[in-house]
């Protein structure tokens, strides 16, 4: 048999606390047993100091993030410019190779035009070809009378002329071609330098005359 508990001992069990604000028997509002604890007061000095440090830290982190974003943006802009520059260079190089193969054909067209042989259907085809290459940026250059420029001209013949005041192109043996600033073929030309004045005395003669005057 299970021993019965002593009468003096309290029976153990769950403790139930009635926290209802309305008394179920009287219907009256019960008085609060204890007032709500006051809200903790913020520290006067330590809290303000901690807040300033946190704000300063956040500002520093924000400045670092902005600097990182600006650096990444600058790197991306440089990369985009480099890619665009390389793309244009590759396009010009490929286009230049194709047009360089057509230069002998254009030379034949030019010679036929100079000899009045550009007639009939051949004339239409030649003009169409020149129009297409012009749209692609191919430019023909080299004219008589223009100043000689060694960066775009190739001098094959040289002479003296009293009709020029500076080194000039007096004949175009083969026209030059370029795309923008890129030279596909320099203009092959004959150049002339200004001829010396025949009436001017040579420096040696002037020196001899001066010596003879001094000896008299």
C-alpha atoms as a PDB file:
ATOM      1  CA  UNK A   1       0.000   0.000   0.000  1.00  0.00           C
ATOM      2  CA  UNK A   2       1.070   3.491  -0.673  1.00  0.00           C
ATOM      3  CA  UNK A   3       1.614   5.404   2.543  1.00  0.00           C
ATOM      4  CA  UNK A   4      -0.729   8.295   2.999  1.00  0.00           C
ATOM      5  CA  UNK A   5       0.812  11.681   3.410  1.00  0.00           C
ATOM      6  CA  UNK A   6       0.937  13.247   6.810  1.00  0.00           C
ATOM      7  CA  UNK A   7      -1.750  15.698   7.633  1.00  0.00           C
ATOM      8  CA  UNK A   8       0.822  18.327   8.619  1.00  0.00           C
ATOM      9  CA  UNK A   9       2.530  18.202   5.255  1.00  0.00           C
ATOM     10  CA  UNK A  10       1.234  20.433   2.457  1.00  0.00           C
ATOM     11  CA  UNK A  11       0.261  18.783  -0.763  1.00  0.00           C
ATOM     12  CA  UNK A  12       2.668  19.679  -3.538  1.00  0.00           C
ATOM     13  CA  UNK A  13       1.176  20.918  -6.812  1.00  0.00           C
ATOM     14  CA  UNK A  14       1.128  23.819  -9.290  1.00  0.00           C
ATOM     15  CA  UNK A  15       0.886  27.303  -7.888  1.00  0.00           C
ATOM     16  CA  UNK A  16      -1.841  29.371  -9.540  1.00  0.00           C
ATOM     17  CA  UNK A  17      -1.771  33.131  -9.255  1.00  0.00           C
ATOM     18  CA  UNK A  18      -4.839  35.114 -10.142  1.00  0.00           C
ATOM     19  CA  UNK A  19      -3.650  38.148 -12.124  1.00  0.00           C
ATOM     20  CA  UNK A  20      -7.063  39.194 -13.322  1.00  0.00           C
ATOM     21  CA  UNK A  21      -7.708  42.902 -12.938  1.00  0.00           C
ATOM     22  CA  UNK A  22     -11.438  42.357 -12.314  1.00  0.00           C
ATOM     23  CA  UNK A  23     -12.402  40.436  -9.244  1.00  0.00           C
ATOM     24  CA  UNK A  24     -14.768  37.672 -10.466  1.00  0.00           C
ATOM     25  CA  UNK A  25     -16.705  37.667  -7.188  1.00  0.00           C
ATOM     26  CA  UNK A  26     -17.192  41.387  -6.547  1.00  0.00           C
ATOM     27  CA  UNK A  27     -16.791  42.687 -10.108  1.00  0.00           C
ATOM     28  CA  UNK A  28     -14.540  45.478  -8.871  1.00  0.00           C
ATOM     29  CA  UNK A  29     -11.225  46.514 -10.326  1.00  0.00           C
ATOM     30  CA  UNK A  30      -8.399  45.155  -8.289  1.00  0.00           C
ATOM     31  CA  UNK A  31      -5.630  47.458  -7.117  1.00  0.00           C
ATOM     32  CA  UNK A  32      -2.270  46.770  -8.707  1.00  0.00           C
ATOM     33  CA  UNK A  33      -0.010  44.869  -6.423  1.00  0.00           C
ATOM     34  CA  UNK A  34       3.072  46.694  -7.575  1.00  0.00           C
ATOM     35  CA  UNK A  35       3.736  49.599  -9.815  1.00  0.00           C
ATOM     36  CA  UNK A  36       5.628  49.153 -13.065  1.00  0.00           C
ATOM     37  CA  UNK A  37       9.362  49.669 -12.614  1.00  0.00           C
ATOM     38  CA  UNK A  38      10.590  53.015 -13.899  1.00  0.00           C
ATOM     39  CA  UNK A  39      12.417  53.062 -17.223  1.00  0.00           C
ATOM     40  CA  UNK A  40      16.177  53.120 -16.875  1.00  0.00           C
ATOM     41  CA  UNK A  41      17.691  56.517 -17.247  1.00  0.00           C
ATOM     42  CA  UNK A  42      20.325  57.051 -19.926  1.00  0.00           C
ATOM     43  CA  UNK A  43      23.739  57.849 -18.531  1.00  0.00           C
ATOM     44  CA  UNK A  44      24.556  61.530 -18.696  1.00  0.00           C
ATOM     45  CA  UNK A  45      28.170  61.494 -19.950  1.00  0.00           C
ATOM     46  CA  UNK A  46      29.126  57.950 -20.914  1.00  0.00           C
ATOM     47  CA  UNK A  47      26.163  57.472 -23.268  1.00  0.00           C
ATOM     48  CA  UNK A  48      26.812  60.677 -25.205  1.00  0.00           C
ATOM     49  CA  UNK A  49      30.463  59.818 -25.573  1.00  0.00           C
ATOM     50  CA  UNK A  50      29.631  56.346 -26.832  1.00  0.00           C
ATOM     51  CA  UNK A  51      27.137  57.765 -29.335  1.00  0.00           C
ATOM     52  CA  UNK A  52      29.717  60.215 -30.728  1.00  0.00           C
ATOM     53  CA  UNK A  53      32.229  57.410 -31.181  1.00  0.00           C
ATOM     54  CA  UNK A  54      29.658  55.270 -32.990  1.00  0.00           C
ATOM     55  CA  UNK A  55      28.720  58.140 -35.318  1.00  0.00           C
ATOM     56  CA  UNK A  56      32.381  58.844 -36.045  1.00  0.00           C
ATOM     57  CA  UNK A  57      32.992  55.161 -36.794  1.00  0.00           C
ATOM     58  CA  UNK A  58      29.986  55.022 -39.130  1.00  0.00           C
ATOM     59  CA  UNK A  59      31.145  58.141 -40.958  1.00  0.00           C
ATOM     60  CA  UNK A  60      34.621  56.642 -41.386  1.00  0.00           C
ATOM     61  CA  UNK A  61      33.177  53.393 -42.754  1.00  0.00           C
ATOM     62  CA  UNK A  62      30.901  55.330 -45.101  1.00  0.00           C
ATOM     63  CA  UNK A  63      33.831  57.360 -46.428  1.00  0.00           C
ATOM     64  CA  UNK A  64      35.794  54.150 -47.058  1.00  0.00           C
ATOM     65  CA  UNK A  65      32.881  52.584 -48.945  1.00  0.00           C
ATOM     66  CA  UNK A  66      32.448  55.711 -51.081  1.00  0.00           C
ATOM     67  CA  UNK A  67      36.164  55.725 -51.888  1.00  0.00           C
ATOM     68  CA  UNK A  68      35.960  52.042 -52.868  1.00  0.00           C
ATOM     69  CA  UNK A  69      33.000  52.729 -55.148  1.00  0.00           C
ATOM     70  CA  UNK A  70      34.786  55.669 -56.781  1.00  0.00           C
ATOM     71  CA  UNK A  71      37.889  53.548 -57.358  1.00  0.00           C
ATOM     72  CA  UNK A  72      35.857  50.717 -58.876  1.00  0.00           C
ATOM     73  CA  UNK A  73      34.004  53.186 -61.115  1.00  0.00           C
ATOM     74  CA  UNK A  74      37.277  54.744 -62.305  1.00  0.00           C
ATOM     75  CA  UNK A  75      38.709  51.306 -63.086  1.00  0.00           C
ATOM     76  CA  UNK A  76      35.574  50.367 -65.010  1.00  0.00           C
ATOM     77  CA  UNK A  77      35.639  53.626 -67.003  1.00  0.00           C
ATOM     78  CA  UNK A  78      39.283  53.048 -67.930  1.00  0.00           C
ATOM     79  CA  UNK A  79      38.525  49.459 -68.921  1.00  0.00           C
ATOM     80  CA  UNK A  80      35.590  50.553 -71.085  1.00  0.00           C
ATOM     81  CA  UNK A  81      37.708  53.217 -72.828  1.00  0.00           C
ATOM     82  CA  UNK A  82      40.513  50.730 -73.422  1.00  0.00           C
ATOM     83  CA  UNK A  83      38.120  48.160 -74.893  1.00  0.00           C
ATOM     84  CA  UNK A  84      36.541  50.778 -77.156  1.00  0.00           C
ATOM     85  CA  UNK A  85      39.968  52.000 -78.293  1.00  0.00           C
ATOM     86  CA  UNK A  86      41.099  48.435 -79.026  1.00  0.00           C
ATOM     87  CA  UNK A  87      37.872  47.719 -80.891  1.00  0.00           C
ATOM     88  CA  UNK A  88      38.346  50.764 -83.124  1.00  0.00           C
ATOM     89  CA  UNK A  89      42.009  49.880 -83.723  1.00  0.00           C
ATOM     90  CA  UNK A  90      41.140  46.306 -84.720  1.00  0.00           C
ATOM     91  CA  UNK A  91      38.413  47.543 -87.057  1.00  0.00           C
ATOM     92  CA  UNK A  92      40.744  50.065 -88.723  1.00  0.00           C
ATOM     93  CA  UNK A  93      43.476  47.450 -89.064  1.00  0.00           C
ATOM     94  CA  UNK A  94      41.132  44.922 -90.700  1.00  0.00           C
ATOM     95  CA  UNK A  95      39.638  47.596 -92.953  1.00  0.00           C
ATOM     96  CA  UNK A  96      43.092  48.851 -93.886  1.00  0.00           C
ATOM     97  CA  UNK A  97      44.210  45.364 -94.920  1.00  0.00           C
ATOM     98  CA  UNK A  98      41.200  44.953 -97.197  1.00  0.00           C
ATOM     99  CA  UNK A  99      41.545  48.385 -98.783  1.00  0.00           C
ATOM    100  CA  UNK A 100      45.288  47.946 -99.259  1.00  0.00           C
ATOM    101  CA  UNK A 101      44.518  45.030-101.582  1.00  0.00           C
ATOM    102  CA  UNK A 102      42.345  47.357-103.687  1.00  0.00           C
ATOM    103  CA  UNK A 103      44.977  50.067-104.170  1.00  0.00           C
ATOM    104  CA  UNK A 104      46.445  48.534-107.359  1.00  0.00           C
ATOM    105  CA  UNK A 105      42.924  48.427-108.827  1.00  0.00           C
ATOM    106  CA  UNK A 106      42.416  52.084-107.943  1.00  0.00           C
ATOM    107  CA  UNK A 107      45.763  52.897-109.538  1.00  0.00           C
ATOM    108  CA  UNK A 108      44.627  51.240-112.771  1.00  0.00           C
ATOM    109  CA  UNK A 109      41.405  53.246-112.663  1.00  0.00           C
ATOM    110  CA  UNK A 110      43.390  56.459-112.195  1.00  0.00           C
ATOM    111  CA  UNK A 111      45.698  55.713-115.128  1.00  0.00           C
ATOM    112  CA  UNK A 112      42.721  54.847-117.325  1.00  0.00           C
ATOM    113  CA  UNK A 113      41.092  58.149-116.407  1.00  0.00           C
ATOM    114  CA  UNK A 114      44.287  60.081-117.229  1.00  0.00           C
ATOM    115  CA  UNK A 115      44.370  58.479-120.700  1.00  0.00           C
ATOM    116  CA  UNK A 116      40.636  58.979-121.334  1.00  0.00           C
ATOM    117  CA  UNK A 117      40.089  55.223-121.363  1.00  0.00           C
ATOM    118  CA  UNK A 118      37.505  55.237-118.578  1.00  0.00           C
ATOM    119  CA  UNK A 119      34.351  54.794-120.658  1.00  0.00           C
ATOM    120  CA  UNK A 120      31.245  52.632-120.894  1.00  0.00           C
ATOM    121  CA  UNK A 121      30.497  49.988-118.311  1.00  0.00           C
ATOM    122  CA  UNK A 122      34.037  50.079-116.984  1.00  0.00           C
ATOM    123  CA  UNK A 123      33.516  53.725-116.008  1.00  0.00           C
ATOM    124  CA  UNK A 124      30.368  52.890-114.026  1.00  0.00           C
ATOM    125  CA  UNK A 125      32.090  50.043-112.194  1.00  0.00           C
ATOM    126  CA  UNK A 126      35.133  52.219-111.447  1.00  0.00           C
ATOM    127  CA  UNK A 127      33.038  55.066-110.089  1.00  0.00           C
ATOM    128  CA  UNK A 128      31.014  52.669-107.929  1.00  0.00           C
ATOM    129  CA  UNK A 129      34.202  51.163-106.496  1.00  0.00           C
ATOM    130  CA  UNK A 130      35.632  54.593-105.724  1.00  0.00           C
ATOM    131  CA  UNK A 131      32.360  55.616-104.063  1.00  0.00           C
ATOM    132  CA  UNK A 132      32.310  52.508-101.846  1.00  0.00           C
ATOM    133  CA  UNK A 133      35.935  52.918-100.748  1.00  0.00           C
ATOM    134  CA  UNK A 134      35.243  56.591-100.044  1.00  0.00           C
ATOM    135  CA  UNK A 135      32.333  55.667 -97.753  1.00  0.00           C
ATOM    136  CA  UNK A 136      34.662  53.303 -95.902  1.00  0.00           C
ATOM    137  CA  UNK A 137      36.971  56.255 -95.150  1.00  0.00           C
ATOM    138  CA  UNK A 138      39.617  55.774 -97.827  1.00  0.00           C
ATOM    139  CA  UNK A 139      41.068  59.131 -98.887  1.00  0.00           C
ATOM    140  CA  UNK A 140      43.356  59.796-101.833  1.00  0.00           C
ATOM    141  CA  UNK A 141      45.960  62.551-101.451  1.00  0.00           C
ATOM    142  CA  UNK A 142      48.970  64.052-103.183  1.00  0.00           C
ATOM    143  CA  UNK A 143      48.779  67.130-105.437  1.00  0.00           C
ATOM    144  CA  UNK A 144      51.289  69.146-107.390  1.00  0.00           C
ATOM    145  CA  UNK A 145      52.412  72.329-105.695  1.00  0.00           C
ATOM    146  CA  UNK A 146      51.784  71.256-102.126  1.00  0.00           C
ATOM    147  CA  UNK A 147      54.641  71.474 -99.598  1.00  0.00           C
ATOM    148  CA  UNK A 148      56.708  68.333 -99.227  1.00  0.00           C
ATOM    149  CA  UNK A 149      55.978  66.469 -95.988  1.00  0.00           C
ATOM    150  CA  UNK A 150      58.234  63.456 -95.319  1.00  0.00           C
ATOM    151  CA  UNK A 151      55.613  61.935 -93.017  1.00  0.00           C
ATOM    152  CA  UNK A 152      53.115  61.506 -95.871  1.00  0.00           C
ATOM    153  CA  UNK A 153      55.279  61.813 -99.001  1.00  0.00           C
ATOM    154  CA  UNK A 154      57.991  59.577-100.393  1.00  0.00           C
ATOM    155  CA  UNK A 155      60.422  61.532-102.608  1.00  0.00           C
ATOM    156  CA  UNK A 156      61.610  59.488-105.596  1.00  0.00           C
ATOM    157  CA  UNK A 157      63.077  62.386-107.610  1.00  0.00           C
ATOM    158  CA  UNK A 158      64.778  65.617-106.582  1.00  0.00           C
ATOM    159  CA  UNK A 159      65.598  68.800-108.499  1.00  0.00           C
ATOM    160  CA  UNK A 160      66.069  72.561-108.145  1.00  0.00           C
ATOM    161  CA  UNK A 161      63.512  75.067-109.374  1.00  0.00           C
ATOM    162  CA  UNK A 162      63.244  78.839-109.382  1.00  0.00           C
ATOM    163  CA  UNK A 163      59.450  78.531-109.280  1.00  0.00           C
ATOM    164  CA  UNK A 164      59.280  77.320-105.672  1.00  0.00           C
ATOM    165  CA  UNK A 165      60.139  79.084-102.438  1.00  0.00           C
ATOM    166  CA  UNK A 166      60.235  75.912-100.326  1.00  0.00           C
ATOM    167  CA  UNK A 167      60.667  72.194-100.895  1.00  0.00           C
ATOM    168  CA  UNK A 168      57.517  71.341-102.851  1.00  0.00           C
ATOM    169  CA  UNK A 169      55.880  68.543-104.804  1.00  0.00           C
ATOM    170  CA  UNK A 170      56.324  69.169-108.535  1.00  0.00           C
ATOM    171  CA  UNK A 171      54.932  65.853-109.778  1.00  0.00           C
ATOM    172  CA  UNK A 172      52.889  62.986-108.328  1.00  0.00           C
ATOM    173  CA  UNK A 173      54.222  59.653-109.549  1.00  0.00           C
ATOM    174  CA  UNK A 174      51.775  57.610-107.472  1.00  0.00           C
ATOM    175  CA  UNK A 175      48.994  58.992-105.250  1.00  0.00           C
ATOM    176  CA  UNK A 176      48.897  58.232-101.568  1.00  0.00           C
ATOM    177  CA  UNK A 177      45.998  56.762 -99.592  1.00  0.00           C
ATOM    178  CA  UNK A 178      45.034  57.034 -95.939  1.00  0.00           C
ATOM    179  CA  UNK A 179      42.209  56.231 -93.534  1.00  0.00           C
ATOM    180  CA  UNK A 180      41.849  59.049 -91.043  1.00  0.00           C
ATOM    181  CA  UNK A 181      45.342  59.594 -89.645  1.00  0.00           C
ATOM    182  CA  UNK A 182      46.635  56.188 -90.742  1.00  0.00           C
ATOM    183  CA  UNK A 183      48.718  56.159 -93.920  1.00  0.00           C
ATOM    184  CA  UNK A 184      48.064  53.076 -96.057  1.00  0.00           C
ATOM    185  CA  UNK A 185      50.555  54.148 -98.712  1.00  0.00           C
ATOM    186  CA  UNK A 186      52.617  57.350 -98.891  1.00  0.00           C
ATOM    187  CA  UNK A 187      52.342  59.494-102.003  1.00  0.00           C
ATOM    188  CA  UNK A 188      55.359  58.873-104.225  1.00  0.00           C
ATOM    189  CA  UNK A 189      56.390  62.228-105.635  1.00  0.00           C
ATOM    190  CA  UNK A 190      59.084  64.288-107.321  1.00  0.00           C
ATOM    191  CA  UNK A 191      60.217  67.270-105.269  1.00  0.00           C
ATOM    192  CA  UNK A 192      62.103  70.460-105.999  1.00  0.00           C
ATOM    193  CA  UNK A 193      64.084  72.796-103.787  1.00  0.00           C
ATOM    194  CA  UNK A 194      64.395  76.543-104.437  1.00  0.00           C
ATOM    195  CA  UNK A 195      67.208  77.243-106.879  1.00  0.00           C
ATOM    196  CA  UNK A 196      69.966  79.581-105.642  1.00  0.00           C
ATOM    197  CA  UNK A 197      69.949  83.136-106.985  1.00  0.00           C
ATOM    198  CA  UNK A 198      72.506  83.340-109.852  1.00  0.00           C
ATOM    199  CA  UNK A 199      73.139  87.031-109.166  1.00  0.00           C
ATOM    200  CA  UNK A 200      74.236  86.422-105.607  1.00  0.00           C
ATOM    201  CA  UNK A 201      77.991  86.289-105.020  1.00  0.00           C
ATOM    202  CA  UNK A 202      79.490  83.180-103.537  1.00  0.00           C
ATOM    203  CA  UNK A 203      80.875  83.490 -99.975  1.00  0.00           C
ATOM    204  CA  UNK A 204      84.372  82.543-101.242  1.00  0.00           C
ATOM    205  CA  UNK A 205      84.390  85.346-103.791  1.00  0.00           C
ATOM    206  CA  UNK A 206      83.352  87.861-101.154  1.00  0.00           C
ATOM    207  CA  UNK A 207      86.181  86.711 -98.898  1.00  0.00           C
ATOM    208  CA  UNK A 208      88.712  86.997-101.761  1.00  0.00           C
ATOM    209  CA  UNK A 209      87.613  90.506-102.634  1.00  0.00           C
ATOM    210  CA  UNK A 210      87.848  91.555 -98.987  1.00  0.00           C
ATOM    211  CA  UNK A 211      91.405  90.174 -98.766  1.00  0.00           C
ATOM    212  CA  UNK A 212      92.428  92.057-101.947  1.00  0.00           C
ATOM    213  CA  UNK A 213      91.070  95.311-100.561  1.00  0.00           C
ATOM    214  CA  UNK A 214      93.032  94.840 -97.359  1.00  0.00           C
ATOM    215  CA  UNK A 215      96.296  94.277 -99.331  1.00  0.00           C
ATOM    216  CA  UNK A 216      96.112  97.535-101.266  1.00  0.00           C
END
